Amino acid sequence: GMTDEAWRAQHVIFEQAAFRLLRCPIPVIAAVEGVALGG
């Protein structure tokens, strides 16, 4: 039920968070149990 505008606004937050994770200056180790799907 999100409007297109609300969806885009939310995704900007996800995009920025992803870039901060990608460019974290120290090593980041993902510890995965169970599913890691999509995002």
All heavy atoms as atom14 arrays in JSON, in Angstrom:
{
  "sequence": "GMTDEAWRAQHVIFEQAAFRLLRCPIPVIAAVEGVALGG",
  "atom14_mask": [
    [1, 1, 1, 1, 0, 0, 0, 0, 0, 0, 0, 0, 0, 0],
    [1, 1, 1, 1, 1, 1, 1, 1, 0, 0, 0, 0, 0, 0],
    [1, 1, 1, 1, 1, 1, 1, 0, 0, 0, 0, 0, 0, 0],
    [1, 1, 1, 1, 1, 1, 1, 1, 0, 0, 0, 0, 0, 0],
    [1, 1, 1, 1, 1, 1, 1, 1, 1, 0, 0, 0, 0, 0],
    [1, 1, 1, 1, 1, 0, 0, 0, 0, 0, 0, 0, 0, 0],
    [1, 1, 1, 1, 1, 1, 1, 1, 1, 1, 1, 1, 1, 1],
    [1, 1, 1, 1, 1, 1, 1, 1, 1, 1, 1, 0, 0, 0],
    [1, 1, 1, 1, 1, 0, 0, 0, 0, 0, 0, 0, 0, 0],
    [1, 1, 1, 1, 1, 1, 1, 1, 1, 0, 0, 0, 0, 0],
    [1, 1, 1, 1, 1, 1, 1, 1, 1, 1, 0, 0, 0, 0],
    [1, 1, 1, 1, 1, 1, 1, 0, 0, 0, 0, 0, 0, 0],
    [1, 1, 1, 1, 1, 1, 1, 1, 0, 0, 0, 0, 0, 0],
    [1, 1, 1, 1, 1, 1, 1, 1, 1, 1, 1, 0, 0, 0],
    [1, 1, 1, 1, 1, 1, 1, 1, 1, 0, 0, 0, 0, 0],
    [1, 1, 1, 1, 1, 1, 1, 1, 1, 0, 0, 0, 0, 0],
    [1, 1, 1, 1, 1, 0, 0, 0, 0, 0, 0, 0, 0, 0],
    [1, 1, 1, 1, 1, 0, 0, 0, 0, 0, 0, 0, 0, 0],
    [1, 1, 1, 1, 1, 1, 1, 1, 1, 1, 1, 0, 0, 0],
    [1, 1, 1, 1, 1, 1, 1, 1, 1, 1, 1, 0, 0, 0],
    [1, 1, 1, 1, 1, 1, 1, 1, 0, 0, 0, 0, 0, 0],
    [1, 1, 1, 1, 1, 1, 1, 1, 0, 0, 0, 0, 0, 0],
    [1, 1, 1, 1, 1, 1, 1, 1, 1, 1, 1, 0, 0, 0],
    [1, 1, 1, 1, 1, 1, 0, 0, 0, 0, 0, 0, 0, 0],
    [1, 1, 1, 1, 1, 1, 1, 0, 0, 0, 0, 0, 0, 0],
    [1, 1, 1, 1, 1, 1, 1, 1, 0, 0, 0, 0, 0, 0],
    [1, 1, 1, 1, 1, 1, 1, 0, 0, 0, 0, 0, 0, 0],
    [1, 1, 1, 1, 1, 1, 1, 0, 0, 0, 0, 0, 0, 0],
    [1, 1, 1, 1, 1, 1, 1, 1, 0, 0, 0, 0, 0, 0],
    [1, 1, 1, 1, 1, 0, 0, 0, 0, 0, 0, 0, 0, 0],
    [1, 1, 1, 1, 1, 0, 0, 0, 0, 0, 0, 0, 0, 0],
    [1, 1, 1, 1, 1, 1, 1, 0, 0, 0, 0, 0, 0, 0],
    [1, 1, 1, 1, 1, 1, 1, 1, 1, 0, 0, 0, 0, 0],
    [1, 1, 1, 1, 0, 0, 0, 0, 0, 0, 0, 0, 0, 0],
    [1, 1, 1, 1, 1, 1, 1, 0, 0, 0, 0, 0, 0, 0],
    [1, 1, 1, 1, 1, 0, 0, 0, 0, 0, 0, 0, 0, 0],
    [1, 1, 1, 1, 1, 1, 1, 1, 0, 0, 0, 0, 0, 0],
    [1, 1, 1, 1, 0, 0, 0, 0, 0, 0, 0, 0, 0, 0],
    [1, 1, 1, 1, 0, 0, 0, 0, 0, 0, 0, 0, 0, 0]
  ],
  "atom14_positions": [
    [[0.78, -1.23, 0.0], [0.0, 0.0, 0.0], [0.81, 1.28, 0.0], [0.23, 2.37, -0.01], [0.0, 0.0, 0.0], [0.0, 0.0, 0.0], [0.0, 0.0, 0.0], [0.0, 0.0, 0.0], [0.0, 0.0, 0.0], [0.0, 0.0, 0.0], [0.0, 0.0, 0.0], [0.0, 0.0, 0.0], [0.0, 0.0, 0.0], [0.0, 0.0, 0.0]],
    [[2.13, 1.17, 0.01], [2.97, 2.37, -0.06], [2.75, 3.08, -1.39], [2.64, 2.44, -2.44], [4.46, 2.01, 0.04], [5.05, 2.04, 1.42], [6.87, 1.87, 1.33], [7.28, 2.0, 3.06], [0.0, 0.0, 0.0], [0.0, 0.0, 0.0], [0.0, 0.0, 0.0], [0.0, 0.0, 0.0], [0.0, 0.0, 0.0], [0.0, 0.0, 0.0]],
    [[2.74, 4.4, -1.35], [2.73, 5.15, -2.59], [4.1, 5.04, -3.25], [5.1, 4.71, -2.61], [2.43, 6.63, -2.33], [3.5, 7.19, -1.54], [1.1, 6.8, -1.59], [0.0, 0.0, 0.0], [0.0, 0.0, 0.0], [0.0, 0.0, 0.0], [0.0, 0.0, 0.0], [0.0, 0.0, 0.0], [0.0, 0.0, 0.0], [0.0, 0.0, 0.0]],
    [[4.16, 5.33, -4.53], [5.45, 5.32, -5.23], [6.42, 6.29, -4.57], [7.62, 5.99, -4.44], [5.25, 5.71, -6.7], [4.55, 4.63, -7.51], [4.43, 3.49, -7.0], [4.13, 4.92, -8.64], [0.0, 0.0, 0.0], [0.0, 0.0, 0.0], [0.0, 0.0, 0.0], [0.0, 0.0, 0.0], [0.0, 0.0, 0.0], [0.0, 0.0, 0.0]],
    [[5.92, 7.42, -4.13], [6.79, 8.41, -3.5], [7.36, 7.88, -2.19], [8.55, 8.04, -1.9], [6.0, 9.7, -3.23], [6.83, 10.81, -2.62], [6.02, 12.08, -2.39], [4.8, 12.07, -2.65], [6.62, 13.08, -1.94], [0.0, 0.0, 0.0], [0.0, 0.0, 0.0], [0.0, 0.0, 0.0], [0.0, 0.0, 0.0], [0.0, 0.0, 0.0]],
    [[6.51, 7.25, -1.38], [6.97, 6.69, -0.11], [7.97, 5.56, -0.35], [8.97, 5.43, 0.38], [5.78, 6.19, 0.71], [0.0, 0.0, 0.0], [0.0, 0.0, 0.0], [0.0, 0.0, 0.0], [0.0, 0.0, 0.0], [0.0, 0.0, 0.0], [0.0, 0.0, 0.0], [0.0, 0.0, 0.0], [0.0, 0.0, 0.0], [0.0, 0.0, 0.0]],
    [[7.7, 4.72, -1.36], [8.62, 3.62, -1.7], [9.99, 4.17, -2.07], [11.01, 3.69, -1.6], [8.02, 2.81, -2.84], [8.76, 1.54, -3.18], [10.05, 1.43, -3.59], [8.25, 0.2, -3.13], [10.37, 0.12, -3.83], [9.29, -0.66, -3.54], [7.01, -0.35, -2.82], [9.13, -2.04, -3.63], [6.85, -1.73, -2.9], [7.9, -2.56, -3.31]],
    [[10.0, 5.2, -2.93], [11.27, 5.79, -3.34], [12.01, 6.41, -2.16], [13.24, 6.28, -2.05], [11.04, 6.82, -4.44], [10.78, 6.22, -5.83], [10.87, 7.28, -6.92], [9.8, 8.26, -6.8], [8.63, 8.16, -7.41], [8.36, 7.12, -8.18], [7.71, 9.1, -7.27], [0.0, 0.0, 0.0], [0.0, 0.0, 0.0], [0.0, 0.0, 0.0]],
    [[11.27, 7.08, -1.28], [11.9, 7.7, -0.11], [12.53, 6.65, 0.8], [13.64, 6.83, 1.32], [10.88, 8.53, 0.66], [0.0, 0.0, 0.0], [0.0, 0.0, 0.0], [0.0, 0.0, 0.0], [0.0, 0.0, 0.0], [0.0, 0.0, 0.0], [0.0, 0.0, 0.0], [0.0, 0.0, 0.0], [0.0, 0.0, 0.0], [0.0, 0.0, 0.0]],
    [[11.81, 5.54, 0.99], [12.37, 4.46, 1.79], [13.61, 3.88, 1.14], [14.61, 3.61, 1.8], [11.33, 3.35, 1.98], [11.84, 2.21, 2.86], [11.01, 0.95, 2.7], [10.92, 0.39, 1.61], [10.41, 0.49, 3.79], [0.0, 0.0, 0.0], [0.0, 0.0, 0.0], [0.0, 0.0, 0.0], [0.0, 0.0, 0.0], [0.0, 0.0, 0.0]],
    [[13.55, 3.71, -0.17], [14.68, 3.07, -0.84], [15.93, 3.94, -0.81], [17.05, 3.42, -0.76], [14.34, 2.71, -2.29], [15.19, 1.6, -2.8], [16.37, 1.83, -3.5], [15.09, 0.26, -2.67], [16.92, 0.67, -3.8], [16.17, -0.3, -3.31], [0.0, 0.0, 0.0], [0.0, 0.0, 0.0], [0.0, 0.0, 0.0], [0.0, 0.0, 0.0]],
    [[15.78, 5.24, -0.8], [16.93, 6.12, -0.65], [17.65, 5.82, 0.66], [18.89, 5.8, 0.72], [16.51, 7.6, -0.73], [17.65, 8.52, -0.28], [16.1, 7.95, -2.16], [0.0, 0.0, 0.0], [0.0, 0.0, 0.0], [0.0, 0.0, 0.0], [0.0, 0.0, 0.0], [0.0, 0.0, 0.0], [0.0, 0.0, 0.0], [0.0, 0.0, 0.0]],
    [[16.89, 5.58, 1.72], [17.5, 5.22, 3.01], [18.27, 3.92, 2.88], [19.42, 3.8, 3.34], [16.42, 5.11, 4.1], [15.76, 6.46, 4.34], [17.01, 4.56, 5.4], [14.51, 6.39, 5.2], [0.0, 0.0, 0.0], [0.0, 0.0, 0.0], [0.0, 0.0, 0.0], [0.0, 0.0, 0.0], [0.0, 0.0, 0.0], [0.0, 0.0, 0.0]],
    [[17.66, 2.91, 2.22], [18.34, 1.63, 2.03], [19.61, 1.8, 1.2], [20.64, 1.19, 1.49], [17.41, 0.63, 1.34], [16.23, 0.17, 2.18], [15.2, -0.53, 1.6], [16.17, 0.42, 3.54], [14.12, -0.98, 2.35], [15.1, -0.01, 4.31], [14.07, -0.71, 3.7], [0.0, 0.0, 0.0], [0.0, 0.0, 0.0], [0.0, 0.0, 0.0]],
    [[19.53, 2.6, 0.15], [20.69, 2.84, -0.7], [21.84, 3.46, 0.09], [23.0, 3.05, -0.04], [20.31, 3.76, -1.86], [19.34, 3.17, -2.85], [18.65, 4.25, -3.68], [19.14, 5.41, -3.68], [17.63, 3.95, -4.33], [0.0, 0.0, 0.0], [0.0, 0.0, 0.0], [0.0, 0.0, 0.0], [0.0, 0.0, 0.0], [0.0, 0.0, 0.0]],
    [[21.52, 4.47, 0.89], [22.55, 5.14, 1.66], [23.16, 4.22, 2.71], [24.38, 4.22, 2.92], [21.96, 6.39, 2.32], [21.58, 7.47, 1.33], [20.87, 8.66, 1.99], [20.37, 8.55, 3.12], [20.82, 9.77, 1.29], [0.0, 0.0, 0.0], [0.0, 0.0, 0.0], [0.0, 0.0, 0.0], [0.0, 0.0, 0.0], [0.0, 0.0, 0.0]],
    [[22.3, 3.41, 3.35], [22.81, 2.45, 4.33], [23.73, 1.43, 3.67], [24.79, 1.08, 4.21], [21.64, 1.75, 5.02], [0.0, 0.0, 0.0], [0.0, 0.0, 0.0], [0.0, 0.0, 0.0], [0.0, 0.0, 0.0], [0.0, 0.0, 0.0], [0.0, 0.0, 0.0], [0.0, 0.0, 0.0], [0.0, 0.0, 0.0], [0.0, 0.0, 0.0]],
    [[23.34, 0.95, 2.49], [24.15, -0.02, 1.77], [25.51, 0.57, 1.41], [26.55, -0.11, 1.54], [23.42, -0.48, 0.5], [0.0, 0.0, 0.0], [0.0, 0.0, 0.0], [0.0, 0.0, 0.0], [0.0, 0.0, 0.0], [0.0, 0.0, 0.0], [0.0, 0.0, 0.0], [0.0, 0.0, 0.0], [0.0, 0.0, 0.0], [0.0, 0.0, 0.0]],
    [[25.52, 1.8, 0.98], [26.79, 2.41, 0.61], [27.69, 2.61, 1.82], [28.91, 2.41, 1.74], [26.56, 3.76, -0.09], [27.77, 4.26, -0.82], [28.13, 3.76, -2.05], [28.59, 5.23, -0.25], [29.26, 4.21, -2.72], [29.72, 5.69, -0.9], [30.05, 5.17, -2.14], [0.0, 0.0, 0.0], [0.0, 0.0, 0.0], [0.0, 0.0, 0.0]],
    [[27.1, 2.97, 2.97], [27.91, 3.11, 4.19], [28.5, 1.77, 4.6], [29.64, 1.69, 5.05], [27.07, 3.67, 5.34], [26.52, 5.06, 5.15], [27.58, 6.11, 4.88], [27.05, 7.45, 4.98], [26.29, 8.05, 4.08], [25.94, 7.4, 2.97], [25.87, 9.29, 4.23], [0.0, 0.0, 0.0], [0.0, 0.0, 0.0], [0.0, 0.0, 0.0]],
    [[27.73, 0.7, 4.45], [28.24, -0.63, 4.76], [29.35, -1.01, 3.79], [30.43, -1.48, 4.21], [27.09, -1.64, 4.68], [27.44, -3.13, 4.72], [28.25, -3.49, 5.96], [26.17, -3.97, 4.65], [0.0, 0.0, 0.0], [0.0, 0.0, 0.0], [0.0, 0.0, 0.0], [0.0, 0.0, 0.0], [0.0, 0.0, 0.0], [0.0, 0.0, 0.0]],
    [[29.14, -0.8, 2.51], [30.14, -1.14, 1.5], [31.44, -0.39, 1.74], [32.52, -0.96, 1.57], [29.59, -0.81, 0.11], [30.52, -1.06, -1.08], [30.81, -2.54, -1.24], [29.91, -0.48, -2.35], [0.0, 0.0, 0.0], [0.0, 0.0, 0.0], [0.0, 0.0, 0.0], [0.0, 0.0, 0.0], [0.0, 0.0, 0.0], [0.0, 0.0, 0.0]],
    [[31.35, 0.86, 2.13], [32.54, 1.7, 2.29], [32.99, 1.82, 3.73], [33.79, 2.7, 4.06], [32.25, 3.1, 1.71], [32.04, 3.09, 0.2], [33.19, 2.44, -0.53], [33.05, 2.51, -1.98], [33.51, 1.58, -2.81], [34.11, 0.52, -2.34], [33.36, 1.72, -4.12], [0.0, 0.0, 0.0], [0.0, 0.0, 0.0], [0.0, 0.0, 0.0]],
    [[32.51, 0.96, 4.61], [33.02, 0.96, 5.98], [34.53, 0.76, 5.94], [35.02, -0.18, 5.3], [32.35, -0.16, 6.77], [32.79, -0.16, 8.53], [0.0, 0.0, 0.0], [0.0, 0.0, 0.0], [0.0, 0.0, 0.0], [0.0, 0.0, 0.0], [0.0, 0.0, 0.0], [0.0, 0.0, 0.0], [0.0, 0.0, 0.0], [0.0, 0.0, 0.0]],
    [[35.31, 1.61, 6.61], [36.77, 1.54, 6.46], [37.41, 0.37, 7.19], [38.59, 0.09, 6.96], [37.24, 2.88, 7.05], [36.16, 3.27, 8.0], [34.89, 2.78, 7.39], [0.0, 0.0, 0.0], [0.0, 0.0, 0.0], [0.0, 0.0, 0.0], [0.0, 0.0, 0.0], [0.0, 0.0, 0.0], [0.0, 0.0, 0.0], [0.0, 0.0, 0.0]],
    [[36.67, -0.3, 8.05], [37.21, -1.47, 8.76], [36.52, -2.73, 8.26], [35.43, -2.66, 7.7], [37.05, -1.32, 10.28], [35.58, -1.15, 10.67], [37.89, -0.16, 10.8], [35.33, -1.1, 12.16], [0.0, 0.0, 0.0], [0.0, 0.0, 0.0], [0.0, 0.0, 0.0], [0.0, 0.0, 0.0], [0.0, 0.0, 0.0], [0.0, 0.0, 0.0]],
    [[37.15, -3.89, 8.44], [36.55, -5.14, 7.94], [35.19, -5.44, 8.57], [35.01, -5.29, 9.79], [37.58, -6.2, 8.32], [38.88, -5.46, 8.41], [38.52, -4.11, 8.96], [0.0, 0.0, 0.0], [0.0, 0.0, 0.0], [0.0, 0.0, 0.0], [0.0, 0.0, 0.0], [0.0, 0.0, 0.0], [0.0, 0.0, 0.0], [0.0, 0.0, 0.0]],
    [[34.27, -5.87, 7.73], [32.93, -6.28, 8.18], [32.75, -7.74, 7.77], [32.84, -8.08, 6.59], [31.83, -5.41, 7.55], [30.45, -5.88, 8.04], [32.04, -3.93, 7.87], [0.0, 0.0, 0.0], [0.0, 0.0, 0.0], [0.0, 0.0, 0.0], [0.0, 0.0, 0.0], [0.0, 0.0, 0.0], [0.0, 0.0, 0.0], [0.0, 0.0, 0.0]],
    [[32.48, -8.6, 8.75], [32.28, -10.02, 8.51], [30.81, -10.32, 8.73], [30.28, -10.11, 9.83], [33.14, -10.87, 9.46], [34.61, -10.46, 9.38], [32.97, -12.36, 9.13], [35.46, -11.07, 10.48], [0.0, 0.0, 0.0], [0.0, 0.0, 0.0], [0.0, 0.0, 0.0], [0.0, 0.0, 0.0], [0.0, 0.0, 0.0], [0.0, 0.0, 0.0]],
    [[30.13, -10.82, 7.71], [28.74, -11.22, 7.84], [28.68, -12.65, 8.38], [29.32, -13.55, 7.84], [28.02, -11.14, 6.5], [0.0, 0.0, 0.0], [0.0, 0.0, 0.0], [0.0, 0.0, 0.0], [0.0, 0.0, 0.0], [0.0, 0.0, 0.0], [0.0, 0.0, 0.0], [0.0, 0.0, 0.0], [0.0, 0.0, 0.0], [0.0, 0.0, 0.0]],
    [[27.94, -12.83, 9.48], [27.72, -14.15, 10.05], [26.29, -14.55, 9.75], [25.35, -13.97, 10.29], [27.97, -14.13, 11.56], [0.0, 0.0, 0.0], [0.0, 0.0, 0.0], [0.0, 0.0, 0.0], [0.0, 0.0, 0.0], [0.0, 0.0, 0.0], [0.0, 0.0, 0.0], [0.0, 0.0, 0.0], [0.0, 0.0, 0.0], [0.0, 0.0, 0.0]],
    [[26.11, -15.52, 8.87], [24.79, -15.84, 8.32], [24.29, -17.18, 8.84], [24.94, -18.21, 8.64], [24.82, -15.86, 6.78], [23.48, -16.28, 6.22], [25.21, -14.48, 6.24], [0.0, 0.0, 0.0], [0.0, 0.0, 0.0], [0.0, 0.0, 0.0], [0.0, 0.0, 0.0], [0.0, 0.0, 0.0], [0.0, 0.0, 0.0], [0.0, 0.0, 0.0]],
    [[23.17, -17.14, 9.52], [22.41, -18.33, 9.89], [21.04, -18.23, 9.22], [20.47, -17.15, 9.13], [22.22, -18.43, 11.4], [23.49, -18.51, 12.21], [24.16, -19.88, 12.19], [23.62, -20.8, 11.55], [25.22, -20.01, 12.82], [0.0, 0.0, 0.0], [0.0, 0.0, 0.0], [0.0, 0.0, 0.0], [0.0, 0.0, 0.0], [0.0, 0.0, 0.0]],
    [[20.52, -19.35, 8.75], [19.21, -19.33, 8.11], [19.26, -18.6, 6.78], [20.25, -18.68, 6.05], [0.0, 0.0, 0.0], [0.0, 0.0, 0.0], [0.0, 0.0, 0.0], [0.0, 0.0, 0.0], [0.0, 0.0, 0.0], [0.0, 0.0, 0.0], [0.0, 0.0, 0.0], [0.0, 0.0, 0.0], [0.0, 0.0, 0.0], [0.0, 0.0, 0.0]],
    [[18.19, -17.89, 6.46], [18.07, -17.31, 5.13], [18.72, -15.94, 5.03], [18.66, -15.14, 5.96], [16.6, -17.23, 4.68], [15.98, -18.61, 4.6], [15.78, -16.32, 5.59], [0.0, 0.0, 0.0], [0.0, 0.0, 0.0], [0.0, 0.0, 0.0], [0.0, 0.0, 0.0], [0.0, 0.0, 0.0], [0.0, 0.0, 0.0], [0.0, 0.0, 0.0]],
    [[19.34, -15.7, 3.9], [19.83, -14.37, 3.5], [19.29, -14.18, 2.09], [19.88, -14.63, 1.11], [21.35, -14.3, 3.53], [0.0, 0.0, 0.0], [0.0, 0.0, 0.0], [0.0, 0.0, 0.0], [0.0, 0.0, 0.0], [0.0, 0.0, 0.0], [0.0, 0.0, 0.0], [0.0, 0.0, 0.0], [0.0, 0.0, 0.0], [0.0, 0.0, 0.0]],
    [[18.14, -13.54, 2.0], [17.42, -13.46, 0.74], [17.2, -12.01, 0.32], [17.02, -11.12, 1.17], [16.06, -14.15, 0.86], [16.09, -15.64, 1.21], [14.67, -16.16, 1.39], [16.82, -16.44, 0.13], [0.0, 0.0, 0.0], [0.0, 0.0, 0.0], [0.0, 0.0, 0.0], [0.0, 0.0, 0.0], [0.0, 0.0, 0.0], [0.0, 0.0, 0.0]],
    [[17.21, -11.78, -1.0], [16.95, -10.44, -1.51], [17.92, -9.44, -0.91], [19.14, -9.61, -0.97], [0.0, 0.0, 0.0], [0.0, 0.0, 0.0], [0.0, 0.0, 0.0], [0.0, 0.0, 0.0], [0.0, 0.0, 0.0], [0.0, 0.0, 0.0], [0.0, 0.0, 0.0], [0.0, 0.0, 0.0], [0.0, 0.0, 0.0], [0.0, 0.0, 0.0]],
    [[17.35, -8.38, -0.35], [18.19, -7.37, 0.29], [19.05, -7.94, 1.4], [20.13, -7.4, 1.69], [0.0, 0.0, 0.0], [0.0, 0.0, 0.0], [0.0, 0.0, 0.0], [0.0, 0.0, 0.0], [0.0, 0.0, 0.0], [0.0, 0.0, 0.0], [0.0, 0.0, 0.0], [0.0, 0.0, 0.0], [0.0, 0.0, 0.0], [0.0, 0.0, 0.0]]
  ]
}
